[in-house]
């Protein structure tokens, strides 16, 4: 049985989500305001957190930030009544894995949840036999088990998505990924039009690991395609 946390202040939406999650053999924990929801998220382990943006006491974006700041990697499906692009971008960049804009269809909701559960299972299976636990490229070291990055033996603090993005590129030096492919592999779903989210994460990564972000050594640009990790290191 999969444990799911719903943080949503509309009881009708909570009841609707609960009905369909129970059909997916989920155990549901419900919170109707931000503080309560954050408390559950930090105190218990879940396989999915469904998080509304507009909440009493503490909004969903801040909850997402605080969850990720505690190095909790539980998938977060963000719900929002807002359709503006900036709100979706903020949700993704604070660490959400996916989002739905209200009103949404039940079939789409179920499809998103099932996709997240499939990714969870694939991630567990792949982590059982890691091909390489530590990636080393000169002075840069990436510990996959501890999700720890060091540069010149000093720890570099990365967000969960920054870490996943770095691992994707560093695992296959020389392989070029376009922005849509990176979105699919790191954020875990098909989504058109948000390639600039990849750009902003690349820029932040470069500022954290590159000696000179304007003349990168590790993460290179493949002009007309996207990005690659330097194969000559």
C-alpha atoms as a PDB file:
ATOM      1  CA  UNK A   1       0.000   0.000   0.000  1.00  0.00           C
ATOM      2  CA  UNK A   2       1.387   3.373  -1.045  1.00  0.00           C
ATOM      3  CA  UNK A   3       1.312   6.230   1.462  1.00  0.00           C
ATOM      4  CA  UNK A   4       0.091   9.505  -0.021  1.00  0.00           C
ATOM      5  CA  UNK A   5      -0.181  12.909   1.646  1.00  0.00           C
ATOM      6  CA  UNK A   6      -2.832  15.337   0.355  1.00  0.00           C
ATOM      7  CA  UNK A   7      -2.374  18.978   1.402  1.00  0.00           C
ATOM      8  CA  UNK A   8      -5.432  20.846   0.101  1.00  0.00           C
ATOM      9  CA  UNK A   9      -7.866  23.234   1.824  1.00  0.00           C
ATOM     10  CA  UNK A  10     -10.912  22.383  -0.327  1.00  0.00           C
ATOM     11  CA  UNK A  11     -12.676  19.381   1.298  1.00  0.00           C
ATOM     12  CA  UNK A  12     -14.512  18.539  -1.935  1.00  0.00           C
ATOM     13  CA  UNK A  13     -11.244  18.207  -3.847  1.00  0.00           C
ATOM     14  CA  UNK A  14      -9.699  16.185  -1.006  1.00  0.00           C
ATOM     15  CA  UNK A  15     -12.658  13.788  -1.020  1.00  0.00           C
ATOM     16  CA  UNK A  16     -12.473  13.412  -4.818  1.00  0.00           C
ATOM     17  CA  UNK A  17      -8.729  12.708  -4.786  1.00  0.00           C
ATOM     18  CA  UNK A  18      -9.083  10.290  -1.880  1.00  0.00           C
ATOM     19  CA  UNK A  19     -11.741   8.222  -3.659  1.00  0.00           C
ATOM     20  CA  UNK A  20      -9.532   7.658  -6.686  1.00  0.00           C
ATOM     21  CA  UNK A  21      -6.327   7.155  -4.723  1.00  0.00           C
ATOM     22  CA  UNK A  22      -8.023   4.449  -2.646  1.00  0.00           C
ATOM     23  CA  UNK A  23      -8.782   2.677  -5.935  1.00  0.00           C
ATOM     24  CA  UNK A  24      -4.999   2.701  -6.548  1.00  0.00           C
ATOM     25  CA  UNK A  25      -4.426   0.957  -3.203  1.00  0.00           C
ATOM     26  CA  UNK A  26      -3.141   4.080  -1.437  1.00  0.00           C
ATOM     27  CA  UNK A  27      -3.194   4.950   2.246  1.00  0.00           C
ATOM     28  CA  UNK A  28      -4.215   8.590   2.576  1.00  0.00           C
ATOM     29  CA  UNK A  29      -3.109  11.257   5.055  1.00  0.00           C
ATOM     30  CA  UNK A  30      -4.979  14.567   4.755  1.00  0.00           C
ATOM     31  CA  UNK A  31      -4.045  18.101   5.776  1.00  0.00           C
ATOM     32  CA  UNK A  32      -6.182  21.191   5.191  1.00  0.00           C
ATOM     33  CA  UNK A  33      -3.631  23.924   5.882  1.00  0.00           C
ATOM     34  CA  UNK A  34       0.021  24.523   5.137  1.00  0.00           C
ATOM     35  CA  UNK A  35       1.509  24.201   8.616  1.00  0.00           C
ATOM     36  CA  UNK A  36      -0.231  20.906   9.270  1.00  0.00           C
ATOM     37  CA  UNK A  37       0.778  19.589   5.857  1.00  0.00           C
ATOM     38  CA  UNK A  38       4.419  20.531   6.330  1.00  0.00           C
ATOM     39  CA  UNK A  39       4.409  18.797   9.706  1.00  0.00           C
ATOM     40  CA  UNK A  40       3.176  15.551   8.170  1.00  0.00           C
ATOM     41  CA  UNK A  41       5.650  15.798   5.285  1.00  0.00           C
ATOM     42  CA  UNK A  42       8.624  16.225   7.614  1.00  0.00           C
ATOM     43  CA  UNK A  43       7.545  13.647  10.194  1.00  0.00           C
ATOM     44  CA  UNK A  44       6.471  10.725   7.986  1.00  0.00           C
ATOM     45  CA  UNK A  45       7.587   8.963   4.837  1.00  0.00           C
ATOM     46  CA  UNK A  46       5.313   9.103   1.807  1.00  0.00           C
ATOM     47  CA  UNK A  47       5.528   7.858  -1.759  1.00  0.00           C
ATOM     48  CA  UNK A  48       3.702  10.942  -3.060  1.00  0.00           C
ATOM     49  CA  UNK A  49       2.766  14.388  -1.759  1.00  0.00           C
ATOM     50  CA  UNK A  50      -0.128  16.165  -3.488  1.00  0.00           C
ATOM     51  CA  UNK A  51       0.294  19.825  -2.659  1.00  0.00           C
ATOM     52  CA  UNK A  52      -1.980  22.775  -3.398  1.00  0.00           C
ATOM     53  CA  UNK A  53      -0.275  26.145  -3.926  1.00  0.00           C
ATOM     54  CA  UNK A  54      -2.900  28.375  -2.327  1.00  0.00           C
ATOM     55  CA  UNK A  55      -3.173  27.233   1.305  1.00  0.00           C
ATOM     56  CA  UNK A  56      -3.977  28.827   4.665  1.00  0.00           C
ATOM     57  CA  UNK A  57      -1.031  29.600   6.978  1.00  0.00           C
ATOM     58  CA  UNK A  58       1.726  28.521   4.553  1.00  0.00           C
ATOM     59  CA  UNK A  59       1.591  28.357   0.766  1.00  0.00           C
ATOM     60  CA  UNK A  60       2.515  25.296  -1.253  1.00  0.00           C
ATOM     61  CA  UNK A  61       5.632  26.795  -2.822  1.00  0.00           C
ATOM     62  CA  UNK A  62       7.126  27.499   0.612  1.00  0.00           C
ATOM     63  CA  UNK A  63       6.179  24.017   1.815  1.00  0.00           C
ATOM     64  CA  UNK A  64       7.933  22.555  -1.230  1.00  0.00           C
ATOM     65  CA  UNK A  65      11.055  24.628  -0.548  1.00  0.00           C
ATOM     66  CA  UNK A  66      11.183  23.506   3.096  1.00  0.00           C
ATOM     67  CA  UNK A  67      10.683  19.849   2.199  1.00  0.00           C
ATOM     68  CA  UNK A  68      13.517  19.940  -0.320  1.00  0.00           C
ATOM     69  CA  UNK A  69      15.718  21.900   2.090  1.00  0.00           C
ATOM     70  CA  UNK A  70      15.477  18.897   4.444  1.00  0.00           C
ATOM     71  CA  UNK A  71      16.812  16.685   1.630  1.00  0.00           C
ATOM     72  CA  UNK A  72      13.488  14.850   1.335  1.00  0.00           C
ATOM     73  CA  UNK A  73      13.067  13.574  -2.205  1.00  0.00           C
ATOM     74  CA  UNK A  74       9.451  12.389  -2.082  1.00  0.00           C
ATOM     75  CA  UNK A  75       7.738  13.180  -5.415  1.00  0.00           C
ATOM     76  CA  UNK A  76       5.507  16.271  -5.204  1.00  0.00           C
ATOM     77  CA  UNK A  77       2.508  16.784  -7.480  1.00  0.00           C
ATOM     78  CA  UNK A  78       1.542  20.453  -7.301  1.00  0.00           C
ATOM     79  CA  UNK A  79      -2.054  21.599  -7.671  1.00  0.00           C
ATOM     80  CA  UNK A  80      -2.768  25.169  -8.661  1.00  0.00           C
ATOM     81  CA  UNK A  81      -5.775  27.219  -9.676  1.00  0.00           C
ATOM     82  CA  UNK A  82      -3.414  29.592 -11.439  1.00  0.00           C
ATOM     83  CA  UNK A  83      -2.679  29.179 -15.121  1.00  0.00           C
ATOM     84  CA  UNK A  84       0.071  31.774 -15.450  1.00  0.00           C
ATOM     85  CA  UNK A  85       3.334  30.345 -16.756  1.00  0.00           C
ATOM     86  CA  UNK A  86       5.374  31.937 -13.960  1.00  0.00           C
ATOM     87  CA  UNK A  87       3.476  29.975 -11.302  1.00  0.00           C
ATOM     88  CA  UNK A  88       4.197  26.704 -13.075  1.00  0.00           C
ATOM     89  CA  UNK A  89       7.862  27.597 -13.446  1.00  0.00           C
ATOM     90  CA  UNK A  90       8.115  28.504  -9.760  1.00  0.00           C
ATOM     91  CA  UNK A  91       6.554  25.193  -8.805  1.00  0.00           C
ATOM     92  CA  UNK A  92       9.060  23.240 -10.865  1.00  0.00           C
ATOM     93  CA  UNK A  93      12.034  25.279  -9.726  1.00  0.00           C
ATOM     94  CA  UNK A  94      11.212  24.929  -6.025  1.00  0.00           C
ATOM     95  CA  UNK A  95      11.397  21.156  -6.441  1.00  0.00           C
ATOM     96  CA  UNK A  96       7.969  19.938  -7.564  1.00  0.00           C
ATOM     97  CA  UNK A  97       8.013  16.928  -9.875  1.00  0.00           C
ATOM     98  CA  UNK A  98       4.774  17.594 -11.700  1.00  0.00           C
ATOM     99  CA  UNK A  99       1.723  19.846 -11.524  1.00  0.00           C
ATOM    100  CA  UNK A 100      -1.932  20.002 -12.462  1.00  0.00           C
ATOM    101  CA  UNK A 101      -3.903  23.174 -13.078  1.00  0.00           C
ATOM    102  CA  UNK A 102      -7.429  23.289 -11.645  1.00  0.00           C
ATOM    103  CA  UNK A 103      -9.895  22.329 -12.879  1.00  0.00           C
ATOM    104  CA  UNK A 104      -8.386  19.039 -14.002  1.00  0.00           C
ATOM    105  CA  UNK A 105      -9.899  15.799 -15.207  1.00  0.00           C
ATOM    106  CA  UNK A 106      -9.906  12.700 -13.034  1.00  0.00           C
ATOM    107  CA  UNK A 107      -8.346  10.609 -15.808  1.00  0.00           C
ATOM    108  CA  UNK A 108      -5.447  13.032 -16.142  1.00  0.00           C
ATOM    109  CA  UNK A 109      -4.934  13.037 -12.371  1.00  0.00           C
ATOM    110  CA  UNK A 110      -4.847   9.240 -12.239  1.00  0.00           C
ATOM    111  CA  UNK A 111      -2.462   9.088 -15.203  1.00  0.00           C
ATOM    112  CA  UNK A 112      -0.054  11.532 -13.522  1.00  0.00           C
ATOM    113  CA  UNK A 113      -0.147   9.605 -10.239  1.00  0.00           C
ATOM    114  CA  UNK A 114       0.436   6.267 -11.957  1.00  0.00           C
ATOM    115  CA  UNK A 115       3.360   7.756 -13.890  1.00  0.00           C
ATOM    116  CA  UNK A 116       4.935   8.995 -10.642  1.00  0.00           C
ATOM    117  CA  UNK A 117       4.516   5.572  -9.024  1.00  0.00           C
ATOM    118  CA  UNK A 118       6.104   3.915 -12.079  1.00  0.00           C
ATOM    119  CA  UNK A 119       9.076   6.265 -11.866  1.00  0.00           C
ATOM    120  CA  UNK A 120       9.403   5.510  -8.147  1.00  0.00           C
ATOM    121  CA  UNK A 121       9.539   1.790  -8.879  1.00  0.00           C
ATOM    122  CA  UNK A 122      12.015   2.196 -11.723  1.00  0.00           C
ATOM    123  CA  UNK A 123      14.202   4.369  -9.524  1.00  0.00           C
ATOM    124  CA  UNK A 124      14.178   1.760  -6.763  1.00  0.00           C
ATOM    125  CA  UNK A 125      15.060  -1.020  -9.181  1.00  0.00           C
ATOM    126  CA  UNK A 126      17.892   0.906 -10.793  1.00  0.00           C
ATOM    127  CA  UNK A 127      19.308   1.922  -7.416  1.00  0.00           C
ATOM    128  CA  UNK A 128      19.549  -1.698  -6.293  1.00  0.00           C
ATOM    129  CA  UNK A 129      22.421  -2.304  -8.717  1.00  0.00           C
ATOM    130  CA  UNK A 130      24.101   1.047  -9.238  1.00  0.00           C
ATOM    131  CA  UNK A 131      26.576   0.906 -12.130  1.00  0.00           C
ATOM    132  CA  UNK A 132      28.839   3.299 -10.326  1.00  0.00           C
ATOM    133  CA  UNK A 133      28.406   4.739  -6.836  1.00  0.00           C
ATOM    134  CA  UNK A 134      30.823   7.637  -7.213  1.00  0.00           C
ATOM    135  CA  UNK A 135      31.430   9.677 -10.346  1.00  0.00           C
ATOM    136  CA  UNK A 136      34.787  11.455 -10.414  1.00  0.00           C
ATOM    137  CA  UNK A 137      35.860  14.035 -12.955  1.00  0.00           C
ATOM    138  CA  UNK A 138      39.133  15.638 -11.911  1.00  0.00           C
ATOM    139  CA  UNK A 139      38.426  17.645  -8.751  1.00  0.00           C
ATOM    140  CA  UNK A 140      34.659  17.107  -8.998  1.00  0.00           C
ATOM    141  CA  UNK A 141      33.214  14.101  -7.146  1.00  0.00           C
ATOM    142  CA  UNK A 142      29.576  12.970  -7.147  1.00  0.00           C
ATOM    143  CA  UNK A 143      28.477  10.397  -4.553  1.00  0.00           C
ATOM    144  CA  UNK A 144      25.249   8.868  -5.874  1.00  0.00           C
ATOM    145  CA  UNK A 145      24.260   7.072  -2.658  1.00  0.00           C
ATOM    146  CA  UNK A 146      24.756  10.083  -0.396  1.00  0.00           C
ATOM    147  CA  UNK A 147      23.614  12.567  -3.069  1.00  0.00           C
ATOM    148  CA  UNK A 148      26.723  14.531  -2.229  1.00  0.00           C
ATOM    149  CA  UNK A 149      28.863  16.667  -4.528  1.00  0.00           C
ATOM    150  CA  UNK A 150      32.348  17.843  -3.607  1.00  0.00           C
ATOM    151  CA  UNK A 151      34.681  20.178  -5.456  1.00  0.00           C
ATOM    152  CA  UNK A 152      38.313  20.293  -4.306  1.00  0.00           C
ATOM    153  CA  UNK A 153      37.069  18.134  -1.373  1.00  0.00           C
ATOM    154  CA  UNK A 154      34.631  20.835  -0.279  1.00  0.00           C
ATOM    155  CA  UNK A 155      30.916  20.075  -0.339  1.00  0.00           C
ATOM    156  CA  UNK A 156      28.768  21.872  -2.908  1.00  0.00           C
ATOM    157  CA  UNK A 157      25.141  22.387  -1.870  1.00  0.00           C
ATOM    158  CA  UNK A 158      22.772  21.537  -4.719  1.00  0.00           C
ATOM    159  CA  UNK A 159      19.003  21.401  -4.926  1.00  0.00           C
ATOM    160  CA  UNK A 160      17.496  17.966  -5.738  1.00  0.00           C
ATOM    161  CA  UNK A 161      16.929  18.886  -9.378  1.00  0.00           C
ATOM    162  CA  UNK A 162      20.385  20.424  -9.735  1.00  0.00           C
ATOM    163  CA  UNK A 163      21.874  17.182  -8.419  1.00  0.00           C
ATOM    164  CA  UNK A 164      19.772  15.021 -10.754  1.00  0.00           C
ATOM    165  CA  UNK A 165      20.710  17.216 -13.694  1.00  0.00           C
ATOM    166  CA  UNK A 166      24.411  16.991 -12.867  1.00  0.00           C
ATOM    167  CA  UNK A 167      24.232  13.197 -12.501  1.00  0.00           C
ATOM    168  CA  UNK A 168      22.451  12.883 -15.849  1.00  0.00           C
ATOM    169  CA  UNK A 169      25.170  14.813 -17.674  1.00  0.00           C
ATOM    170  CA  UNK A 170      28.171  13.481 -15.736  1.00  0.00           C
ATOM    171  CA  UNK A 171      27.097   9.851 -16.111  1.00  0.00           C
ATOM    172  CA  UNK A 172      27.631  10.026 -19.880  1.00  0.00           C
ATOM    173  CA  UNK A 173      30.354  12.566 -20.709  1.00  0.00           C
ATOM    174  CA  UNK A 174      30.194  13.725 -24.299  1.00  0.00           C
ATOM    175  CA  UNK A 175      26.533  12.846 -24.741  1.00  0.00           C
ATOM    176  CA  UNK A 176      24.528  15.903 -25.795  1.00  0.00           C
ATOM    177  CA  UNK A 177      21.008  16.330 -24.475  1.00  0.00           C
ATOM    178  CA  UNK A 178      18.514  18.818 -25.833  1.00  0.00           C
ATOM    179  CA  UNK A 179      16.380  20.757 -23.366  1.00  0.00           C
ATOM    180  CA  UNK A 180      13.215  18.747 -23.947  1.00  0.00           C
ATOM    181  CA  UNK A 181      15.090  15.499 -23.354  1.00  0.00           C
ATOM    182  CA  UNK A 182      16.519  16.869 -20.114  1.00  0.00           C
ATOM    183  CA  UNK A 183      13.014  17.866 -18.993  1.00  0.00           C
ATOM    184  CA  UNK A 184      11.797  14.331 -19.675  1.00  0.00           C
ATOM    185  CA  UNK A 185      14.664  12.626 -17.847  1.00  0.00           C
ATOM    186  CA  UNK A 186      15.130  14.949 -14.869  1.00  0.00           C
ATOM    187  CA  UNK A 187      11.610  16.226 -14.278  1.00  0.00           C
ATOM    188  CA  UNK A 188      10.162  12.932 -15.394  1.00  0.00           C
ATOM    189  CA  UNK A 189       7.364  13.907 -17.733  1.00  0.00           C
ATOM    190  CA  UNK A 190       6.667  15.289 -21.175  1.00  0.00           C
ATOM    191  CA  UNK A 191       6.150  19.034 -21.152  1.00  0.00           C
ATOM    192  CA  UNK A 192       6.544  21.481 -24.005  1.00  0.00           C
ATOM    193  CA  UNK A 193       7.464  25.099 -23.563  1.00  0.00           C
ATOM    194  CA  UNK A 194       9.505  25.073 -20.355  1.00  0.00           C
ATOM    195  CA  UNK A 195      12.982  24.610 -21.800  1.00  0.00           C
ATOM    196  CA  UNK A 196      14.058  27.841 -20.057  1.00  0.00           C
ATOM    197  CA  UNK A 197      13.664  25.963 -16.748  1.00  0.00           C
ATOM    198  CA  UNK A 198      16.561  23.779 -17.908  1.00  0.00           C
ATOM    199  CA  UNK A 199      18.585  26.875 -18.804  1.00  0.00           C
ATOM    200  CA  UNK A 200      18.121  28.393 -15.359  1.00  0.00           C
ATOM    201  CA  UNK A 201      19.189  25.158 -13.635  1.00  0.00           C
ATOM    202  CA  UNK A 202      22.241  24.876 -15.887  1.00  0.00           C
ATOM    203  CA  UNK A 203      23.197  28.459 -15.024  1.00  0.00           C
ATOM    204  CA  UNK A 204      22.867  27.796 -11.289  1.00  0.00           C
ATOM    205  CA  UNK A 205      24.883  24.591 -11.592  1.00  0.00           C
ATOM    206  CA  UNK A 206      27.652  26.394 -13.444  1.00  0.00           C
ATOM    207  CA  UNK A 207      27.761  29.129 -10.809  1.00  0.00           C
ATOM    208  CA  UNK A 208      28.255  26.459  -8.140  1.00  0.00           C
ATOM    209  CA  UNK A 209      30.782  24.093  -9.743  1.00  0.00           C
ATOM    210  CA  UNK A 210      32.591  25.992 -12.477  1.00  0.00           C
ATOM    211  CA  UNK A 211      35.817  27.960 -11.811  1.00  0.00           C
ATOM    212  CA  UNK A 212      34.488  30.457 -14.351  1.00  0.00           C
ATOM    213  CA  UNK A 213      30.777  30.175 -15.170  1.00  0.00           C
ATOM    214  CA  UNK A 214      31.266  32.234 -18.328  1.00  0.00           C
ATOM    215  CA  UNK A 215      33.932  29.824 -19.571  1.00  0.00           C
ATOM    216  CA  UNK A 216      32.682  26.452 -18.272  1.00  0.00           C
ATOM    217  CA  UNK A 217      34.967  23.497 -17.780  1.00  0.00           C
ATOM    218  CA  UNK A 218      32.489  20.773 -16.800  1.00  0.00           C
ATOM    219  CA  UNK A 219      29.092  21.536 -18.357  1.00  0.00           C
ATOM    220  CA  UNK A 220      29.494  22.532 -21.981  1.00  0.00           C
ATOM    221  CA  UNK A 221      27.034  23.905 -24.505  1.00  0.00           C
ATOM    222  CA  UNK A 222      26.504  21.922 -27.677  1.00  0.00           C
ATOM    223  CA  UNK A 223      25.449  24.710 -29.985  1.00  0.00           C
ATOM    224  CA  UNK A 224      22.141  24.114 -31.711  1.00  0.00           C
ATOM    225  CA  UNK A 225      21.432  21.075 -29.511  1.00  0.00           C
ATOM    226  CA  UNK A 226      21.700  21.600 -25.765  1.00  0.00           C
ATOM    227  CA  UNK A 227      24.243  20.585 -23.138  1.00  0.00           C
ATOM    228  CA  UNK A 228      26.848  17.906 -22.474  1.00  0.00           C
ATOM    229  CA  UNK A 229      29.436  17.050 -19.819  1.00  0.00           C
ATOM    230  CA  UNK A 230      33.038  17.563 -20.903  1.00  0.00           C
ATOM    231  CA  UNK A 231      34.304  14.242 -22.266  1.00  0.00           C
ATOM    232  CA  UNK A 232      37.959  15.300 -22.124  1.00  0.00           C
ATOM    233  CA  UNK A 233      38.228  15.433 -18.326  1.00  0.00           C
END
